[in-house]
Amino acid sequence: MKIFVILAIFYLAVLIMSMPALVRSRQGWEYRASVTALVLLSVAPVFAAFFAVNSAPYFNSYIPVAVLAGLFYAASFVASVVSIFLYFRRARGPVYSPEK
């Protein structure tokens, strides 16, 4: 049961970090990073479920599938962190100081 709570918190964290760049800027690297994070977050459970269903009799032969699912989860988290970093970096932008 604890793993489901951890996964739910992970999903919410990735969604919350990806949404500002997805909603407010429809261009740039932060938008691409947020879309990539959400796509990877959508694909990773497919591989995790494939591993869970098929690995019962032959556990060792399906370990690469589990590693791939874990890599997708990690890549989605990294992409969401990159997206929020780039979004706030662009939102802050250079400070305009008029010449006197």
N, C-alpha and C. Protein backbone atom coordinates (compact mmCIF):
# COMPACT_ATOMS: atom_id res chain seq x y z
N MET A 1 0.82 -1.20 0.00
CA MET A 1 0.00 0.00 0.00
C MET A 1 0.87 1.27 0.00
N LYS A 2 2.02 1.20 0.67
CA LYS A 2 2.89 2.37 0.72
C LYS A 2 3.42 2.75 -0.66
N ILE A 3 3.65 1.76 -1.50
CA ILE A 3 4.18 2.06 -2.83
C ILE A 3 3.17 2.86 -3.65
N PHE A 4 1.89 2.61 -3.46
CA PHE A 4 0.87 3.36 -4.20
C PHE A 4 0.81 4.81 -3.73
N VAL A 5 1.01 5.03 -2.45
CA VAL A 5 1.04 6.39 -1.93
C VAL A 5 2.26 7.13 -2.46
N ILE A 6 3.40 6.45 -2.49
CA ILE A 6 4.62 7.06 -3.02
C ILE A 6 4.46 7.38 -4.51
N LEU A 7 3.87 6.46 -5.27
CA LEU A 7 3.65 6.72 -6.70
C LEU A 7 2.66 7.86 -6.92
N ALA A 8 1.63 7.95 -6.09
CA ALA A 8 0.66 9.04 -6.22
C ALA A 8 1.33 10.38 -5.94
N ILE A 9 2.17 10.45 -4.92
CA ILE A 9 2.89 11.68 -4.62
C ILE A 9 3.85 12.02 -5.76
N PHE A 10 4.51 11.01 -6.31
CA PHE A 10 5.43 11.23 -7.43
C PHE A 10 4.69 11.79 -8.64
N TYR A 11 3.53 11.18 -8.96
CA TYR A 11 2.74 11.66 -10.10
C TYR A 11 2.31 13.10 -9.89
N LEU A 12 1.83 13.42 -8.70
CA LEU A 12 1.41 14.79 -8.42
C LEU A 12 2.57 15.76 -8.52
N ALA A 13 3.74 15.36 -8.03
CA ALA A 13 4.90 16.24 -8.11
C ALA A 13 5.28 16.53 -9.55
N VAL A 14 5.30 15.51 -10.38
CA VAL A 14 5.65 15.71 -11.79
C VAL A 14 4.59 16.56 -12.48
N LEU A 15 3.33 16.31 -12.20
CA LEU A 15 2.26 17.11 -12.82
C LEU A 15 2.33 18.56 -12.39
N ILE A 16 2.54 18.79 -11.11
CA ILE A 16 2.59 20.17 -10.62
C ILE A 16 3.79 20.91 -11.20
N MET A 17 4.92 20.23 -11.34
CA MET A 17 6.10 20.91 -11.89
C MET A 17 5.99 21.12 -13.40
N SER A 18 5.22 20.29 -14.09
CA SER A 18 5.11 20.42 -15.54
C SER A 18 4.04 21.40 -16.00
N MET A 19 3.06 21.64 -15.17
CA MET A 19 1.92 22.45 -15.60
C MET A 19 2.21 23.91 -15.90
N PRO A 20 3.00 24.64 -15.11
CA PRO A 20 3.20 26.06 -15.46
C PRO A 20 3.76 26.27 -16.86
N ALA A 21 4.75 25.50 -17.24
CA ALA A 21 5.33 25.65 -18.58
C ALA A 21 4.37 25.19 -19.65
N LEU A 22 3.56 24.20 -19.33
CA LEU A 22 2.61 23.67 -20.32
C LEU A 22 1.47 24.65 -20.57
N VAL A 23 1.00 25.29 -19.52
CA VAL A 23 -0.17 26.17 -19.64
C VAL A 23 0.21 27.56 -20.12
N ARG A 24 1.28 28.11 -19.59
CA ARG A 24 1.58 29.51 -19.86
C ARG A 24 2.46 29.76 -21.06
N SER A 25 3.32 28.82 -21.41
CA SER A 25 4.16 29.07 -22.59
C SER A 25 4.00 27.91 -23.55
N ARG A 26 3.56 28.21 -24.72
CA ARG A 26 3.34 27.19 -25.74
C ARG A 26 4.51 27.07 -26.71
N GLN A 27 5.66 27.51 -26.28
CA GLN A 27 6.83 27.44 -27.13
C GLN A 27 8.07 27.36 -26.25
N GLY A 28 9.16 27.04 -26.84
CA GLY A 28 10.42 27.03 -26.12
C GLY A 28 10.74 25.67 -25.52
N TRP A 29 11.93 25.63 -24.90
CA TRP A 29 12.42 24.38 -24.35
C TRP A 29 11.66 23.96 -23.11
N GLU A 30 11.14 24.90 -22.34
CA GLU A 30 10.39 24.51 -21.14
C GLU A 30 9.09 23.80 -21.50
N TYR A 31 8.46 24.22 -22.59
CA TYR A 31 7.25 23.54 -23.06
C TYR A 31 7.57 22.13 -23.53
N ARG A 32 8.65 21.99 -24.29
CA ARG A 32 9.05 20.65 -24.77
C ARG A 32 9.43 19.74 -23.62
N ALA A 33 10.10 20.28 -22.62
CA ALA A 33 10.49 19.46 -21.47
C ALA A 33 9.27 19.02 -20.67
N SER A 34 8.27 19.89 -20.54
CA SER A 34 7.07 19.50 -19.79
C SER A 34 6.26 18.46 -20.55
N VAL A 35 6.17 18.59 -21.85
CA VAL A 35 5.46 17.59 -22.65
C VAL A 35 6.20 16.25 -22.59
N THR A 36 7.52 16.29 -22.67
CA THR A 36 8.31 15.07 -22.56
C THR A 36 8.12 14.41 -21.21
N ALA A 37 8.08 15.20 -20.15
CA ALA A 37 7.87 14.64 -18.81
C ALA A 37 6.52 13.95 -18.72
N LEU A 38 5.49 14.56 -19.27
CA LEU A 38 4.16 13.95 -19.19
C LEU A 38 4.04 12.72 -20.07
N VAL A 39 4.70 12.72 -21.21
CA VAL A 39 4.67 11.52 -22.07
C VAL A 39 5.40 10.37 -21.39
N LEU A 40 6.57 10.64 -20.83
CA LEU A 40 7.30 9.58 -20.14
C LEU A 40 6.54 9.09 -18.92
N LEU A 41 5.86 9.99 -18.23
CA LEU A 41 5.06 9.60 -17.08
C LEU A 41 3.87 8.75 -17.49
N SER A 42 3.40 8.92 -18.70
CA SER A 42 2.29 8.11 -19.20
C SER A 42 2.75 6.74 -19.71
N VAL A 43 3.96 6.66 -20.23
CA VAL A 43 4.45 5.41 -20.81
C VAL A 43 5.05 4.48 -19.75
N ALA A 44 5.65 5.04 -18.71
CA ALA A 44 6.34 4.23 -17.70
C ALA A 44 5.45 3.19 -17.03
N PRO A 45 4.19 3.48 -16.67
CA PRO A 45 3.36 2.45 -16.04
C PRO A 45 3.07 1.26 -16.95
N VAL A 46 3.11 1.47 -18.26
CA VAL A 46 2.88 0.36 -19.18
C VAL A 46 3.99 -0.68 -19.02
N PHE A 47 5.23 -0.20 -18.97
CA PHE A 47 6.34 -1.12 -18.80
C PHE A 47 6.36 -1.74 -17.40
N ALA A 48 5.98 -0.94 -16.40
CA ALA A 48 5.93 -1.49 -15.04
C ALA A 48 4.86 -2.57 -14.93
N ALA A 49 3.72 -2.34 -15.55
CA ALA A 49 2.66 -3.35 -15.52
C ALA A 49 3.05 -4.59 -16.32
N PHE A 50 3.73 -4.40 -17.43
CA PHE A 50 4.20 -5.54 -18.22
C PHE A 50 5.16 -6.39 -17.40
N PHE A 51 6.04 -5.72 -16.66
CA PHE A 51 6.96 -6.45 -15.80
C PHE A 51 6.21 -7.18 -14.69
N ALA A 52 5.25 -6.52 -14.07
CA ALA A 52 4.52 -7.14 -12.96
C ALA A 52 3.70 -8.34 -13.41
N VAL A 53 3.13 -8.27 -14.59
CA VAL A 53 2.28 -9.36 -15.07
C VAL A 53 3.10 -10.53 -15.58
N ASN A 54 4.16 -10.27 -16.30
CA ASN A 54 4.90 -11.33 -16.98
C ASN A 54 6.10 -11.87 -16.21
N SER A 55 6.50 -11.25 -15.12
CA SER A 55 7.75 -11.65 -14.49
C SER A 55 7.60 -12.77 -13.47
N ALA A 56 6.39 -13.23 -13.20
CA ALA A 56 6.19 -14.23 -12.15
C ALA A 56 6.99 -15.52 -12.41
N PRO A 57 6.88 -16.17 -13.56
CA PRO A 57 7.66 -17.41 -13.70
C PRO A 57 9.12 -17.17 -14.08
N TYR A 58 9.40 -16.11 -14.81
CA TYR A 58 10.76 -15.86 -15.31
C TYR A 58 11.20 -14.47 -14.88
N PHE A 59 11.53 -14.32 -13.61
CA PHE A 59 11.83 -12.99 -13.06
C PHE A 59 13.04 -12.36 -13.72
N ASN A 60 14.12 -13.10 -13.86
CA ASN A 60 15.38 -12.52 -14.34
C ASN A 60 15.31 -12.09 -15.80
N SER A 61 14.49 -12.73 -16.59
CA SER A 61 14.45 -12.35 -18.00
C SER A 61 13.68 -11.04 -18.24
N TYR A 62 12.90 -10.61 -17.27
CA TYR A 62 12.13 -9.37 -17.43
C TYR A 62 12.69 -8.21 -16.62
N ILE A 63 13.85 -8.36 -16.06
CA ILE A 63 14.45 -7.26 -15.30
C ILE A 63 14.76 -6.05 -16.20
N PRO A 64 15.20 -6.22 -17.45
CA PRO A 64 15.40 -5.02 -18.30
C PRO A 64 14.13 -4.20 -18.50
N VAL A 65 12.99 -4.83 -18.50
CA VAL A 65 11.73 -4.10 -18.64
C VAL A 65 11.49 -3.25 -17.39
N ALA A 66 11.78 -3.80 -16.22
CA ALA A 66 11.63 -3.04 -14.99
C ALA A 66 12.62 -1.88 -14.93
N VAL A 67 13.84 -2.12 -15.40
CA VAL A 67 14.83 -1.05 -15.44
C VAL A 67 14.40 0.06 -16.39
N LEU A 68 13.83 -0.33 -17.53
CA LEU A 68 13.33 0.66 -18.49
C LEU A 68 12.20 1.49 -17.89
N ALA A 69 11.30 0.84 -17.16
CA ALA A 69 10.22 1.58 -16.49
C ALA A 69 10.79 2.54 -15.47
N GLY A 70 11.76 2.10 -14.70
CA GLY A 70 12.39 2.98 -13.71
C GLY A 70 13.11 4.15 -14.36
N LEU A 71 13.76 3.89 -15.49
CA LEU A 71 14.43 4.97 -16.21
C LEU A 71 13.42 5.98 -16.75
N PHE A 72 12.28 5.51 -17.22
CA PHE A 72 11.24 6.42 -17.69
C PHE A 72 10.70 7.28 -16.56
N TYR A 73 10.49 6.67 -15.39
CA TYR A 73 10.05 7.45 -14.23
C TYR A 73 11.09 8.50 -13.85
N ALA A 74 12.36 8.10 -13.83
CA ALA A 74 13.42 9.05 -13.47
C ALA A 74 13.55 10.15 -14.52
N ALA A 75 13.46 9.78 -15.79
CA ALA A 75 13.56 10.79 -16.85
C ALA A 75 12.38 11.76 -16.82
N SER A 76 11.20 11.27 -16.47
CA SER A 76 10.05 12.18 -16.37
C SER A 76 10.24 13.17 -15.24
N PHE A 77 10.81 12.71 -14.13
CA PHE A 77 11.07 13.62 -13.02
C PHE A 77 12.13 14.66 -13.40
N VAL A 78 13.20 14.22 -14.04
CA VAL A 78 14.26 15.15 -14.45
C VAL A 78 13.72 16.15 -15.47
N ALA A 79 12.92 15.69 -16.42
CA ALA A 79 12.35 16.60 -17.42
C ALA A 79 11.41 17.61 -16.78
N SER A 80 10.66 17.20 -15.77
CA SER A 80 9.78 18.17 -15.11
C SER A 80 10.57 19.19 -14.31
N VAL A 81 11.67 18.76 -13.68
CA VAL A 81 12.53 19.72 -12.97
C VAL A 81 13.17 20.69 -13.95
N VAL A 82 13.62 20.19 -15.09
CA VAL A 82 14.19 21.06 -16.12
C VAL A 82 13.15 22.04 -16.63
N SER A 83 11.93 21.56 -16.83
CA SER A 83 10.88 22.43 -17.35
C SER A 83 10.54 23.55 -16.37
N ILE A 84 10.44 23.24 -15.08
CA ILE A 84 10.11 24.29 -14.11
C ILE A 84 11.28 25.25 -13.94
N PHE A 85 12.51 24.73 -14.02
CA PHE A 85 13.68 25.60 -13.94
C PHE A 85 13.74 26.55 -15.13
N LEU A 86 13.55 26.03 -16.33
CA LEU A 86 13.58 26.90 -17.52
C LEU A 86 12.42 27.88 -17.53
N TYR A 87 11.26 27.45 -17.05
CA TYR A 87 10.11 28.34 -17.02
C TYR A 87 10.36 29.52 -16.10
N PHE A 88 10.84 29.26 -14.88
CA PHE A 88 11.07 30.37 -13.95
C PHE A 88 12.28 31.22 -14.37
N ARG A 89 13.21 30.61 -15.03
CA ARG A 89 14.33 31.39 -15.54
C ARG A 89 13.86 32.35 -16.63
N ARG A 90 12.97 31.89 -17.49
CA ARG A 90 12.44 32.76 -18.54
C ARG A 90 11.46 33.78 -17.97
N ALA A 91 10.67 33.37 -16.98
CA ALA A 91 9.69 34.28 -16.39
C ALA A 91 10.38 35.42 -15.66
N ARG A 92 11.50 35.12 -15.04
CA ARG A 92 12.23 36.17 -14.34
C ARG A 92 12.86 37.12 -15.33
N GLY A 93 13.54 36.57 -16.33
CA GLY A 93 14.10 37.35 -17.43
C GLY A 93 15.07 38.43 -16.99
N PRO A 94 15.58 39.14 -17.96
CA PRO A 94 16.50 40.24 -17.62
C PRO A 94 15.73 41.43 -17.05
N VAL A 95 16.37 42.11 -16.16
CA VAL A 95 15.75 43.30 -15.54
C VAL A 95 15.99 44.49 -16.45
N TYR A 96 14.92 45.22 -16.73
CA TYR A 96 15.02 46.38 -17.60
C TYR A 96 15.36 47.60 -16.76
N SER A 97 16.43 48.25 -17.10
CA SER A 97 16.79 49.48 -16.40
C SER A 97 16.95 50.58 -17.44
N PRO A 98 16.08 51.55 -17.42
CA PRO A 98 16.17 52.64 -18.42
C PRO A 98 17.43 53.48 -18.19
N GLU A 99 17.95 53.96 -19.30
CA GLU A 99 19.13 54.83 -19.21
C GLU A 99 18.74 56.19 -18.67
N LYS A 100 19.63 56.76 -17.89
CA LYS A 100 19.33 58.07 -17.31
C LYS A 100 20.00 59.19 -18.05
